[in-house]
Amino acid sequence: MINSQNIYEKVLKKGIETNPNEAPVCLQAVQLACEAVTIMSNGGHDSLPVYGEGKYMGTICLKDLNQFIYASSGPQLLYHKLNFELESILYIMNKT
């Protein structure tokens, strides 16, 4: 049976089987929104899984991040929202 713990054990702890020196791309729950946008943009990813304390927390999409950062906020909140942790964003957006 495939579940988030199996994925963590097989992929995150051991790395990609075809190249054990290359870690899979995922985000940590404590990473900031600005870091996630940079990682996703530079890597050409539309979405990435988010893990916290060894558990799968959800998947965040670049579209979701843009919506969270820019939706109903003026320029005064832009810097503040870029410094939210992904765990908080997932909670706010009901992605968990």
N, C-alpha and C. Protein backbone atom coordinates (compact mmCIF):
# COMPACT_ATOMS: atom_id res chain seq x y z
N MET A 1 0.84 -1.18 0.00
CA MET A 1 0.00 0.00 0.00
C MET A 1 0.89 1.25 0.00
N ILE A 2 0.55 2.20 -0.84
CA ILE A 2 1.31 3.44 -0.93
C ILE A 2 0.65 4.49 -0.04
N ASN A 3 1.44 5.09 0.83
CA ASN A 3 0.96 6.20 1.64
C ASN A 3 2.10 7.18 1.84
N SER A 4 1.84 8.26 2.54
CA SER A 4 2.86 9.31 2.68
C SER A 4 4.09 8.81 3.42
N GLN A 5 3.92 7.90 4.37
CA GLN A 5 5.08 7.37 5.10
C GLN A 5 5.96 6.53 4.17
N ASN A 6 5.33 5.71 3.31
CA ASN A 6 6.10 4.92 2.35
C ASN A 6 6.88 5.81 1.41
N ILE A 7 6.24 6.86 0.94
CA ILE A 7 6.92 7.79 0.04
C ILE A 7 8.11 8.41 0.74
N TYR A 8 7.93 8.82 1.98
CA TYR A 8 9.02 9.42 2.75
C TYR A 8 10.17 8.43 2.91
N GLU A 9 9.85 7.21 3.30
CA GLU A 9 10.88 6.19 3.52
C GLU A 9 11.64 5.87 2.24
N LYS A 10 10.91 5.68 1.14
CA LYS A 10 11.53 5.23 -0.10
C LYS A 10 12.20 6.34 -0.89
N VAL A 11 11.65 7.53 -0.83
CA VAL A 11 12.16 8.59 -1.68
C VAL A 11 13.00 9.60 -0.91
N LEU A 12 12.46 10.17 0.14
CA LEU A 12 13.17 11.25 0.82
C LEU A 12 14.38 10.76 1.60
N LYS A 13 14.28 9.63 2.28
CA LYS A 13 15.41 9.15 3.07
C LYS A 13 16.49 8.52 2.19
N LYS A 14 16.10 7.84 1.13
CA LYS A 14 17.06 7.09 0.33
C LYS A 14 17.49 7.82 -0.94
N GLY A 15 16.75 8.81 -1.37
CA GLY A 15 17.08 9.50 -2.61
C GLY A 15 16.50 8.78 -3.80
N ILE A 16 16.70 9.32 -4.96
CA ILE A 16 16.19 8.73 -6.18
C ILE A 16 17.02 7.50 -6.52
N GLU A 17 16.36 6.39 -6.80
CA GLU A 17 17.07 5.13 -7.03
C GLU A 17 18.02 5.19 -8.22
N THR A 18 17.66 5.92 -9.25
CA THR A 18 18.52 5.97 -10.43
C THR A 18 19.80 6.76 -10.17
N ASN A 19 19.77 7.68 -9.24
CA ASN A 19 20.95 8.46 -8.90
C ASN A 19 20.91 8.74 -7.39
N PRO A 20 21.51 7.89 -6.59
CA PRO A 20 21.43 8.04 -5.13
C PRO A 20 22.09 9.31 -4.61
N ASN A 21 22.91 9.97 -5.41
CA ASN A 21 23.55 11.21 -4.97
C ASN A 21 22.67 12.43 -5.18
N GLU A 22 21.57 12.26 -5.90
CA GLU A 22 20.68 13.38 -6.20
C GLU A 22 19.41 13.25 -5.37
N ALA A 23 19.17 14.22 -4.52
CA ALA A 23 17.97 14.20 -3.68
C ALA A 23 16.75 14.63 -4.50
N PRO A 24 15.60 14.06 -4.23
CA PRO A 24 14.39 14.49 -4.94
C PRO A 24 14.01 15.91 -4.54
N VAL A 25 13.30 16.59 -5.41
CA VAL A 25 12.90 17.95 -5.13
C VAL A 25 11.61 17.93 -4.32
N CYS A 26 11.68 18.50 -3.15
CA CYS A 26 10.49 18.68 -2.32
C CYS A 26 10.75 19.89 -1.44
N LEU A 27 9.71 20.36 -0.82
CA LEU A 27 9.82 21.53 0.05
C LEU A 27 9.60 21.12 1.49
N GLN A 28 10.21 21.86 2.39
CA GLN A 28 10.03 21.62 3.82
C GLN A 28 9.00 22.61 4.36
N ALA A 29 8.23 22.18 5.33
CA ALA A 29 7.15 22.99 5.89
C ALA A 29 7.64 24.31 6.48
N VAL A 30 8.90 24.35 6.91
CA VAL A 30 9.43 25.56 7.53
C VAL A 30 10.01 26.54 6.51
N GLN A 31 10.04 26.15 5.24
CA GLN A 31 10.55 27.07 4.22
C GLN A 31 9.57 28.20 3.99
N LEU A 32 10.11 29.35 3.62
CA LEU A 32 9.30 30.53 3.39
C LEU A 32 8.72 30.52 1.98
N ALA A 33 7.65 31.27 1.80
CA ALA A 33 7.01 31.36 0.49
C ALA A 33 7.99 31.86 -0.57
N CYS A 34 8.83 32.84 -0.21
CA CYS A 34 9.78 33.38 -1.19
C CYS A 34 10.79 32.32 -1.62
N GLU A 35 11.20 31.44 -0.71
CA GLU A 35 12.12 30.35 -1.06
C GLU A 35 11.43 29.35 -1.98
N ALA A 36 10.18 29.03 -1.68
CA ALA A 36 9.44 28.07 -2.50
C ALA A 36 9.25 28.59 -3.92
N VAL A 37 8.92 29.86 -4.06
CA VAL A 37 8.74 30.45 -5.39
C VAL A 37 10.05 30.38 -6.16
N THR A 38 11.16 30.67 -5.51
CA THR A 38 12.47 30.62 -6.16
C THR A 38 12.82 29.20 -6.60
N ILE A 39 12.64 28.23 -5.72
CA ILE A 39 12.95 26.83 -6.03
C ILE A 39 12.09 26.34 -7.19
N MET A 40 10.80 26.65 -7.13
CA MET A 40 9.90 26.17 -8.17
C MET A 40 10.17 26.86 -9.50
N SER A 41 10.42 28.14 -9.48
CA SER A 41 10.69 28.88 -10.72
C SER A 41 12.00 28.45 -11.36
N ASN A 42 13.05 28.35 -10.55
CA ASN A 42 14.36 27.96 -11.08
C ASN A 42 14.38 26.51 -11.57
N GLY A 43 13.60 25.65 -10.93
CA GLY A 43 13.59 24.25 -11.31
C GLY A 43 12.55 23.89 -12.36
N GLY A 44 11.71 24.85 -12.73
CA GLY A 44 10.67 24.60 -13.71
C GLY A 44 9.54 23.71 -13.20
N HIS A 45 9.25 23.80 -11.90
CA HIS A 45 8.20 22.97 -11.28
C HIS A 45 6.92 23.78 -11.13
N ASP A 46 5.79 23.17 -11.49
CA ASP A 46 4.49 23.81 -11.28
C ASP A 46 3.97 23.54 -9.87
N SER A 47 4.37 22.41 -9.31
CA SER A 47 3.95 22.05 -7.95
C SER A 47 5.00 21.14 -7.33
N LEU A 48 5.04 21.15 -6.00
CA LEU A 48 5.98 20.30 -5.26
C LEU A 48 5.33 19.83 -3.96
N PRO A 49 5.71 18.63 -3.50
CA PRO A 49 5.20 18.16 -2.21
C PRO A 49 5.87 18.91 -1.06
N VAL A 50 5.14 19.04 0.03
CA VAL A 50 5.65 19.71 1.23
C VAL A 50 5.68 18.68 2.36
N TYR A 51 6.84 18.57 3.02
CA TYR A 51 7.02 17.64 4.13
C TYR A 51 7.42 18.41 5.38
N GLY A 52 6.91 17.96 6.52
CA GLY A 52 7.28 18.54 7.80
C GLY A 52 7.40 17.46 8.83
N GLU A 53 8.51 17.44 9.54
CA GLU A 53 8.78 16.44 10.57
C GLU A 53 8.61 15.02 10.04
N GLY A 54 9.06 14.80 8.80
CA GLY A 54 9.02 13.48 8.21
C GLY A 54 7.67 13.04 7.68
N LYS A 55 6.69 13.94 7.67
CA LYS A 55 5.36 13.58 7.20
C LYS A 55 4.96 14.46 6.01
N TYR A 56 4.24 13.83 5.09
CA TYR A 56 3.70 14.56 3.95
C TYR A 56 2.60 15.48 4.45
N MET A 57 2.69 16.77 4.10
CA MET A 57 1.71 17.74 4.56
C MET A 57 0.77 18.20 3.45
N GLY A 58 1.19 18.04 2.22
CA GLY A 58 0.37 18.46 1.10
C GLY A 58 1.24 18.85 -0.08
N THR A 59 0.59 19.27 -1.13
CA THR A 59 1.29 19.73 -2.33
C THR A 59 0.94 21.19 -2.54
N ILE A 60 1.95 21.97 -2.82
CA ILE A 60 1.73 23.40 -3.08
C ILE A 60 2.04 23.67 -4.55
N CYS A 61 1.16 24.42 -5.18
CA CYS A 61 1.33 24.79 -6.59
C CYS A 61 1.81 26.23 -6.66
N LEU A 62 2.56 26.52 -7.70
CA LEU A 62 3.02 27.89 -7.91
C LEU A 62 1.82 28.83 -8.04
N LYS A 63 0.78 28.33 -8.69
CA LYS A 63 -0.46 29.11 -8.84
C LYS A 63 -1.06 29.42 -7.46
N ASP A 64 -1.05 28.44 -6.55
CA ASP A 64 -1.56 28.65 -5.19
C ASP A 64 -0.74 29.69 -4.45
N LEU A 65 0.58 29.61 -4.59
CA LEU A 65 1.45 30.58 -3.93
C LEU A 65 1.19 31.99 -4.45
N ASN A 66 1.08 32.12 -5.76
CA ASN A 66 0.79 33.44 -6.34
C ASN A 66 -0.54 33.98 -5.84
N GLN A 67 -1.54 33.11 -5.79
CA GLN A 67 -2.85 33.53 -5.31
C GLN A 67 -2.77 33.97 -3.85
N PHE A 68 -2.07 33.21 -3.02
CA PHE A 68 -1.93 33.55 -1.61
C PHE A 68 -1.21 34.89 -1.44
N ILE A 69 -0.13 35.07 -2.17
CA ILE A 69 0.70 36.27 -2.01
C ILE A 69 -0.01 37.52 -2.50
N TYR A 70 -0.67 37.43 -3.64
CA TYR A 70 -1.22 38.63 -4.27
C TYR A 70 -2.71 38.86 -4.04
N ALA A 71 -3.45 37.83 -3.66
CA ALA A 71 -4.90 37.98 -3.51
C ALA A 71 -5.24 38.90 -2.34
N SER A 72 -6.07 39.85 -2.62
CA SER A 72 -6.62 40.80 -1.65
C SER A 72 -5.57 41.37 -0.69
N SER A 73 -4.42 41.68 -1.21
CA SER A 73 -3.43 42.33 -0.37
C SER A 73 -2.78 43.46 -1.14
N GLY A 74 -2.62 44.54 -0.46
CA GLY A 74 -1.93 45.67 -1.06
C GLY A 74 -0.44 45.49 -0.93
N PRO A 75 0.31 46.45 -1.42
CA PRO A 75 1.77 46.36 -1.37
C PRO A 75 2.32 46.26 0.05
N GLN A 76 1.57 46.76 1.03
CA GLN A 76 2.05 46.72 2.41
C GLN A 76 2.10 45.30 2.97
N LEU A 77 1.32 44.37 2.41
CA LEU A 77 1.32 42.99 2.89
C LEU A 77 2.19 42.05 2.06
N LEU A 78 2.69 42.51 0.94
CA LEU A 78 3.46 41.66 0.04
C LEU A 78 4.69 41.07 0.74
N TYR A 79 5.49 41.90 1.37
CA TYR A 79 6.69 41.43 2.07
C TYR A 79 6.31 40.46 3.18
N HIS A 80 5.26 40.79 3.90
CA HIS A 80 4.80 39.93 5.01
C HIS A 80 4.41 38.55 4.50
N LYS A 81 3.66 38.48 3.42
CA LYS A 81 3.20 37.20 2.89
C LYS A 81 4.33 36.38 2.29
N LEU A 82 5.35 37.02 1.74
CA LEU A 82 6.50 36.30 1.21
C LEU A 82 7.29 35.60 2.31
N ASN A 83 7.10 36.02 3.55
CA ASN A 83 7.82 35.45 4.67
C ASN A 83 6.98 34.49 5.51
N PHE A 84 5.84 34.05 4.98
CA PHE A 84 5.05 33.02 5.63
C PHE A 84 5.72 31.67 5.40
N GLU A 85 5.65 30.79 6.40
CA GLU A 85 6.13 29.42 6.22
C GLU A 85 5.08 28.63 5.44
N LEU A 86 5.55 27.65 4.68
CA LEU A 86 4.64 26.86 3.85
C LEU A 86 3.58 26.13 4.67
N GLU A 87 3.94 25.69 5.86
CA GLU A 87 2.96 25.03 6.72
C GLU A 87 1.78 25.94 7.00
N SER A 88 2.05 27.21 7.27
CA SER A 88 0.98 28.18 7.53
C SER A 88 0.15 28.43 6.28
N ILE A 89 0.81 28.51 5.14
CA ILE A 89 0.09 28.75 3.88
C ILE A 89 -0.84 27.59 3.58
N LEU A 90 -0.33 26.35 3.75
CA LEU A 90 -1.18 25.19 3.51
C LEU A 90 -2.39 25.19 4.45
N TYR A 91 -2.17 25.56 5.70
CA TYR A 91 -3.27 25.62 6.67
C TYR A 91 -4.29 26.68 6.26
N ILE A 92 -3.81 27.85 5.92
CA ILE A 92 -4.70 28.96 5.54
C ILE A 92 -5.49 28.61 4.29
N MET A 93 -4.85 27.96 3.35
CA MET A 93 -5.50 27.63 2.08
C MET A 93 -6.26 26.30 2.15
N ASN A 94 -6.36 25.72 3.35
CA ASN A 94 -7.08 24.45 3.56
C ASN A 94 -6.55 23.33 2.68
N LYS A 95 -5.23 23.26 2.56
CA LYS A 95 -4.61 22.23 1.75
C LYS A 95 -4.17 21.03 2.58
N THR A 96 -4.27 21.12 3.89
CA THR A 96 -3.79 20.02 4.72
C THR A 96 -4.88 19.02 4.96
